[in-house]
Structures are given as C-alpha cells and as structure tokens.
Amino acid sequence: MPKPEVDFGYHWTLTGRPEQPLWRVSWDPDAGMLYAFQPSLTPGEPHKLVFLAEVHIRQDVDRLMGDWSNPALPKYGNLFHLRMNIAGAAEWPAKIQVRVRRQNDEQKWEEIPVFCNVYCGDKDTQECLAVGNLVADWIIDRYDNENRIRQIRYNLVDSAQGHYRAVPVKVDDGTHLRMTYQFRVRTFGDTRDWDQIPVTQSIEYSGLEERPLERALFEAQRILHLSPEKAGILYNAPNPIEVRVNQLGNPQGHYVRKEGQE
C-alpha cells in the first residue's frame, strides 16, 4: 500500500486571487514529488500538475514549504510565490503530456485523451522527461487501485516521441513473493541497443507459479504473432521481430526471435 500523501491545503491559486480556480499542494513520499494539482474543470479535459520539487525526506519538504499556512506572507495560497521560493522560477507553459492506457484499451496512443498536462517550469528537456517519469510513478501509485492501468506514455508537448512506463500485471492476490519480468520489443529496422528500447510490458508472477521464465517466454512468442496494428498500438512495434525478456533487477536478457529472422 502506498504511504499517505501529505497535503498543504486546497486553497492555492496561480496568483493568490480567490476568484481563480483552486489547486491542491501535496507531497507524495513514495514518488518523492512535491506538486500542485488541479482536477479537470471540464469533463474530458486534462488535469493539471505543477511540479515543485523532487524531495524524499519530510524535513526537507517542511523546509521548502516554510511557513506556508501564514496568511500574512505573500506566498500564502499563491503558487507563483511558492514556486519562486522553491525553484527560483515561475514559468507556466505545459511541457509534458501524460496519457494512460487501461486494460482492454487498444486505441492508438494519439486517440487516448491526455490525462494531465505537466508544468515543469524552466527545466531543460531531459529534466522535464525525468519529471514525466516521476508523474508516471505517482499515477501508478494513486490512480491504479483496481489494477486497471496497463501502460503510461509521456512526451514533450512539441514532440511525437513517446516515453513509456509499463505497469506490472499482478497474477495473484499479492500475498506471496512475486517475480517481475520486463518485455522489450524490437520492430523491423530498429537498430537501437536493447537498453534504449523502452519496457512496454511487465508481468509479476507469484512465487507459487511454476516456471515463470517459461511463461514469460511464451508471452514473448504471443507478442511476435500479433497483427501489425495491435503490435504497433500495444508495443510501439508494428513489425515485431524479436522480444527481450529479463527479470527486474537482473540485466541478463532472454531473447525470442520470430521464425525466419536472422
């Protein structure tokens, strides 16, 4: 179970004016993220998330927030002042889009509505992508109570290049030791090193399951025989020719190639 979040109120607005839409400021100790969040004001529209800091210790969070509940201070309820105090910058353009694929959803990624826009201020591209990864962790922890999320994709708003987080599929009741196997899929013409190909599926096998590696390799064979459309949608590999399987934390890869491929 994730640790409870620490909330700093639901009275924040972008510039502290009470007539503006409200934001919640919270710290997620599991993801190590201090953030401001505004739920969608219109059904179907993306949520908004302002990244404030990556921080893992409560004392550091309290230091960054300071006397946040003092109404006499300029930063009281004012996200502009809060972000200036924490990050030294208050730029607002959204730089990351996050989409969530749920179980049995076989739409193309571009057809899945944006779940939230992430505002990471004046950070550079790589820093913003690291923030996107933190937000993916947060979504998995806080929005997947029914194990319905299958995969998360985040990308820069001005780029079609997706970055993916696969959510482990749990095959037991969670009371026994589990082994997680990760799957990477190479499509025809892809010459990247395996470590550069994102993990697009993870499966957790119970310690009571027999021969989990054999089961994982059988799943790899199934992936290789998907139709081009399904393989492209689910694994970003419309012509899969090889799958690499490895146990989480173990760099040793096991490879399954499509018959007829050299």
Protein backbone atom coordinates (compact mmCIF):
# COMPACT_ATOMS: atom_id res chain seq x y z
CA MET A 1 0.00 0.00 0.00
CA PRO A 2 1.31 3.50 -0.80
CA LYS A 3 2.10 5.81 2.06
CA PRO A 4 -0.46 8.58 2.68
CA GLU A 5 0.23 11.86 0.94
CA VAL A 6 0.92 15.00 2.97
CA ASP A 7 -1.45 17.79 1.95
CA PHE A 8 -0.80 21.52 2.28
CA GLY A 9 -4.28 22.74 1.57
CA TYR A 10 -6.72 23.15 -1.32
CA HIS A 11 -6.79 26.95 -1.21
CA TRP A 12 -3.99 27.71 -3.71
CA THR A 13 -4.46 29.69 -6.93
CA LEU A 14 -1.99 30.67 -9.64
CA THR A 15 -1.53 34.21 -8.30
CA GLY A 16 -3.29 34.04 -4.95
CA ARG A 17 -6.54 35.67 -6.09
CA PRO A 18 -9.53 33.96 -4.52
CA GLU A 19 -11.68 34.14 -7.67
CA GLN A 20 -9.26 31.90 -9.59
CA PRO A 21 -9.61 28.08 -9.85
CA LEU A 22 -8.28 26.23 -6.83
CA TRP A 23 -5.25 23.96 -6.66
CA ARG A 24 -4.13 21.39 -4.09
CA VAL A 25 -0.48 21.28 -2.97
CA SER A 26 0.74 17.87 -1.77
CA TRP A 27 3.82 15.73 -1.23
CA ASP A 28 3.88 12.08 -2.33
CA PRO A 29 6.53 10.32 -0.20
CA ASP A 30 6.58 7.23 -2.44
CA ALA A 31 7.24 9.10 -5.69
CA GLY A 32 9.28 11.77 -3.86
CA MET A 33 7.35 14.55 -5.54
CA LEU A 34 6.12 17.89 -4.17
CA TYR A 35 3.49 19.19 -6.56
CA ALA A 36 0.36 21.26 -7.12
CA PHE A 37 -2.64 19.62 -8.73
CA GLN A 38 -5.82 20.97 -10.27
CA PRO A 39 -8.50 18.43 -11.27
CA SER A 40 -10.07 18.96 -14.66
CA LEU A 41 -12.61 21.79 -14.57
CA THR A 42 -14.44 20.37 -17.60
CA PRO A 43 -15.24 16.67 -18.20
CA GLY A 44 -12.85 15.24 -20.75
CA GLU A 45 -10.25 17.98 -20.32
CA PRO A 46 -6.79 17.11 -18.89
CA HIS A 47 -5.91 17.58 -15.25
CA LYS A 48 -3.06 20.00 -14.50
CA LEU A 49 0.02 19.27 -12.42
CA VAL A 50 2.72 21.77 -11.47
CA PHE A 51 5.97 20.10 -10.45
CA LEU A 52 7.58 21.88 -7.49
CA ALA A 53 10.47 19.66 -6.37
CA GLU A 54 11.75 16.12 -6.08
CA VAL A 55 12.19 15.51 -2.36
CA HIS A 56 12.17 12.31 -0.31
CA ILE A 57 12.53 13.45 3.32
CA ARG A 58 9.73 15.11 5.27
CA GLN A 59 12.07 17.59 6.96
CA ASP A 60 13.22 18.80 3.54
CA VAL A 61 9.60 19.19 2.45
CA ASP A 62 8.82 21.32 5.51
CA ARG A 63 11.90 23.43 4.83
CA LEU A 64 10.79 24.08 1.24
CA MET A 65 7.21 24.89 2.23
CA GLY A 66 8.30 27.14 5.12
CA ASP A 67 5.51 28.99 6.92
CA TRP A 68 3.05 28.14 4.16
CA SER A 69 -0.07 28.50 6.34
CA ASN A 70 0.67 32.09 7.45
CA PRO A 71 -1.89 34.37 5.68
CA ALA A 72 0.37 37.38 6.29
CA LEU A 73 3.03 36.08 3.88
CA PRO A 74 2.94 36.75 0.09
CA LYS A 75 3.15 33.05 -0.72
CA TYR A 76 0.00 32.16 1.23
CA GLY A 77 -2.24 30.41 -1.28
CA ASN A 78 -0.09 31.82 -4.11
CA LEU A 79 1.51 29.24 -6.44
CA PHE A 80 3.56 31.92 -8.19
CA HIS A 81 5.31 32.92 -4.97
CA LEU A 82 5.60 29.32 -3.76
CA ARG A 83 7.30 28.18 -6.95
CA MET A 84 9.60 31.21 -6.95
CA ASN A 85 10.66 30.37 -3.40
CA ILE A 86 11.25 26.69 -4.16
CA ALA A 87 12.59 26.65 -7.70
CA GLY A 88 13.56 30.25 -8.37
CA ALA A 89 11.34 30.27 -11.46
CA ALA A 90 7.64 30.53 -12.16
CA GLU A 91 7.20 29.76 -15.87
CA TRP A 92 3.88 28.10 -16.60
CA PRO A 93 3.86 26.58 -20.13
CA ALA A 94 2.97 22.89 -20.07
CA LYS A 95 5.92 20.85 -21.29
CA ILE A 96 4.80 17.25 -20.73
CA GLN A 97 1.63 15.42 -21.74
CA VAL A 98 0.71 12.18 -19.99
CA ARG A 99 -1.65 9.54 -21.39
CA VAL A 100 -2.89 6.43 -19.58
CA ARG A 101 -3.75 3.14 -21.27
CA ARG A 102 -6.15 0.99 -19.28
CA GLN A 103 -6.84 -2.72 -19.53
CA ASN A 104 -8.50 -3.76 -22.81
CA ASP A 105 -7.90 -0.34 -24.38
CA GLU A 106 -6.49 -0.90 -27.86
CA GLN A 107 -6.75 2.64 -29.22
CA LYS A 108 -3.74 4.27 -30.79
CA TRP A 109 -1.88 6.45 -28.30
CA GLU A 110 -2.87 9.60 -30.17
CA GLU A 111 -6.54 8.62 -29.75
CA ILE A 112 -6.26 8.30 -25.95
CA PRO A 113 -7.11 11.63 -24.28
CA VAL A 114 -4.36 13.41 -22.37
CA PHE A 115 -4.74 12.51 -18.69
CA CYS A 116 -2.79 15.50 -17.41
CA ASN A 117 -0.55 18.32 -18.56
CA VAL A 118 2.62 18.72 -16.51
CA TYR A 119 4.21 22.11 -15.90
CA CYS A 120 7.90 21.79 -15.10
CA GLY A 121 8.92 25.44 -15.41
CA ASP A 122 12.30 26.32 -16.89
CA LYS A 123 13.78 22.83 -16.74
CA ASP A 124 15.55 21.51 -19.83
CA THR A 125 14.33 18.59 -21.95
CA GLN A 126 16.00 15.79 -20.01
CA GLU A 127 14.93 17.27 -16.67
CA CYS A 128 11.33 17.52 -17.89
CA LEU A 129 11.39 13.89 -19.04
CA ALA A 130 12.64 12.90 -15.58
CA VAL A 131 9.67 14.79 -14.14
CA GLY A 132 7.40 12.87 -16.52
CA ASN A 133 8.78 9.62 -15.10
CA LEU A 134 8.04 10.81 -11.54
CA VAL A 135 4.48 11.71 -12.55
CA ALA A 136 4.07 8.23 -14.08
CA ASP A 137 5.11 6.75 -10.70
CA TRP A 138 2.58 8.99 -8.97
CA ILE A 139 -0.26 7.97 -11.29
CA ILE A 140 0.51 4.27 -10.81
CA ASP A 141 0.55 4.68 -7.02
CA ARG A 142 -2.52 6.91 -6.69
CA TYR A 143 -4.82 6.03 -9.59
CA ASP A 144 -4.44 2.28 -10.03
CA ASN A 145 -6.35 0.96 -7.02
CA GLU A 146 -8.13 -1.65 -9.16
CA ASN A 147 -5.06 -2.67 -11.19
CA ARG A 148 -6.71 -1.27 -14.31
CA ILE A 149 -3.83 0.77 -15.71
CA ARG A 150 -1.69 -1.11 -18.20
CA GLN A 151 0.75 1.47 -19.53
CA ILE A 152 1.61 5.15 -19.30
CA ARG A 153 3.08 7.30 -22.04
CA TYR A 154 4.55 10.76 -21.52
CA ASN A 155 6.02 13.06 -24.15
CA LEU A 156 7.12 16.64 -24.62
CA VAL A 157 4.21 18.68 -25.96
CA ASP A 158 6.18 19.61 -29.09
CA SER A 159 7.43 16.07 -29.78
CA ALA A 160 5.82 12.87 -31.01
CA GLN A 161 8.50 10.76 -29.29
CA GLY A 162 6.81 8.80 -26.52
CA HIS A 163 8.38 7.53 -23.33
CA TYR A 164 6.67 4.58 -21.72
CA ARG A 165 6.10 3.06 -18.28
CA ALA A 166 4.67 -0.44 -18.15
CA VAL A 167 2.59 -1.26 -15.08
CA PRO A 168 3.24 -4.76 -13.71
CA VAL A 169 0.33 -7.14 -14.18
CA LYS A 170 -0.37 -8.99 -10.93
CA VAL A 171 -1.34 -12.61 -11.38
CA ASP A 172 -2.03 -13.48 -7.73
CA ASP A 173 -3.57 -11.94 -4.62
CA GLY A 174 -0.38 -10.13 -3.62
CA THR A 175 0.26 -12.26 -0.51
CA HIS A 176 3.21 -14.25 -1.88
CA LEU A 177 6.62 -13.33 -3.22
CA ARG A 178 6.40 -12.19 -6.85
CA MET A 179 8.93 -12.09 -9.67
CA THR A 180 8.61 -9.34 -12.26
CA TYR A 181 9.64 -9.90 -15.87
CA GLN A 182 10.07 -6.99 -18.26
CA PHE A 183 9.46 -7.12 -22.02
CA ARG A 184 11.15 -5.03 -24.72
CA VAL A 185 10.06 -5.46 -28.35
CA ARG A 186 12.24 -4.74 -31.39
CA THR A 187 10.44 -3.87 -34.60
CA PHE A 188 11.89 -4.41 -38.08
CA GLY A 189 14.51 -1.78 -38.92
CA ASP A 190 15.09 -0.72 -35.30
CA THR A 191 18.87 -0.76 -34.71
CA ARG A 192 18.91 0.69 -31.21
CA ASP A 193 20.65 -1.09 -28.35
CA TRP A 194 18.22 -3.05 -26.20
CA ASP A 195 18.66 -0.68 -23.26
CA GLN A 196 17.42 2.17 -25.48
CA ILE A 197 14.18 0.33 -26.32
CA PRO A 198 11.60 1.11 -23.62
CA VAL A 199 9.96 -1.55 -21.50
CA THR A 200 6.41 -1.79 -22.84
CA GLN A 201 5.09 -4.61 -20.66
CA SER A 202 5.82 -6.06 -17.22
CA ILE A 203 4.29 -9.14 -15.63
CA GLU A 204 4.53 -10.13 -11.97
CA TYR A 205 4.38 -13.87 -11.34
CA SER A 206 3.56 -15.31 -7.94
CA GLY A 207 6.21 -17.33 -6.18
CA LEU A 208 3.68 -20.17 -6.33
CA GLU A 209 3.57 -20.10 -10.15
CA GLU A 210 5.63 -22.86 -11.77
CA ARG A 211 8.35 -21.96 -14.29
CA PRO A 212 7.72 -18.19 -14.50
CA LEU A 213 10.51 -17.67 -17.05
CA GLU A 214 8.95 -20.22 -19.39
CA ARG A 215 5.63 -18.41 -19.01
CA ALA A 216 7.31 -15.11 -19.82
CA LEU A 217 8.98 -16.55 -22.93
CA PHE A 218 5.63 -17.97 -24.05
CA GLU A 219 4.19 -14.44 -23.69
CA ALA A 220 7.06 -13.18 -25.87
CA GLN A 221 6.08 -15.68 -28.58
CA ARG A 222 2.50 -14.40 -28.40
CA ILE A 223 3.71 -10.82 -28.91
CA LEU A 224 5.65 -11.82 -32.03
CA HIS A 225 2.48 -13.22 -33.63
CA LEU A 226 0.26 -10.18 -33.05
CA SER A 227 -1.13 -8.35 -36.05
CA PRO A 228 0.92 -5.29 -37.12
CA GLU A 229 -1.86 -2.96 -35.94
CA LYS A 230 -2.08 -4.46 -32.45
CA ALA A 231 1.69 -4.74 -32.05
CA GLY A 232 2.07 -1.10 -33.07
CA ILE A 233 -0.61 0.10 -30.68
CA LEU A 234 0.35 -2.00 -27.65
CA TYR A 235 4.12 -2.26 -28.01
CA ASN A 236 5.11 0.56 -30.38
CA ALA A 237 6.48 -2.17 -32.69
CA PRO A 238 4.25 -2.68 -35.78
CA ASN A 239 6.54 -5.37 -37.22
CA PRO A 240 7.96 -7.18 -34.18
CA ILE A 241 10.95 -9.41 -34.96
CA GLU A 242 12.44 -10.00 -31.51
CA VAL A 243 11.49 -9.75 -27.84
CA ARG A 244 13.86 -9.44 -24.93
CA VAL A 245 12.74 -10.72 -21.53
CA ASN A 246 14.59 -10.10 -18.29
CA GLN A 247 13.78 -10.35 -14.62
CA LEU A 248 13.51 -6.96 -12.92
CA GLY A 249 16.87 -6.09 -11.38
CA ASN A 250 18.73 -8.69 -13.45
CA PRO A 251 20.41 -7.42 -16.66
CA GLN A 252 20.60 -10.95 -18.12
CA GLY A 253 18.31 -10.94 -21.14
CA HIS A 254 16.47 -13.85 -22.74
CA TYR A 255 15.67 -13.40 -26.43
CA VAL A 256 12.88 -14.75 -28.61
CA ARG A 257 13.06 -14.14 -32.35
CA LYS A 258 10.36 -14.50 -34.97
CA GLU A 259 10.86 -17.56 -37.14
CA GLY A 260 12.70 -16.81 -40.36
CA GLN A 261 14.59 -13.82 -38.88
CA GLU A 262 18.38 -13.96 -38.83
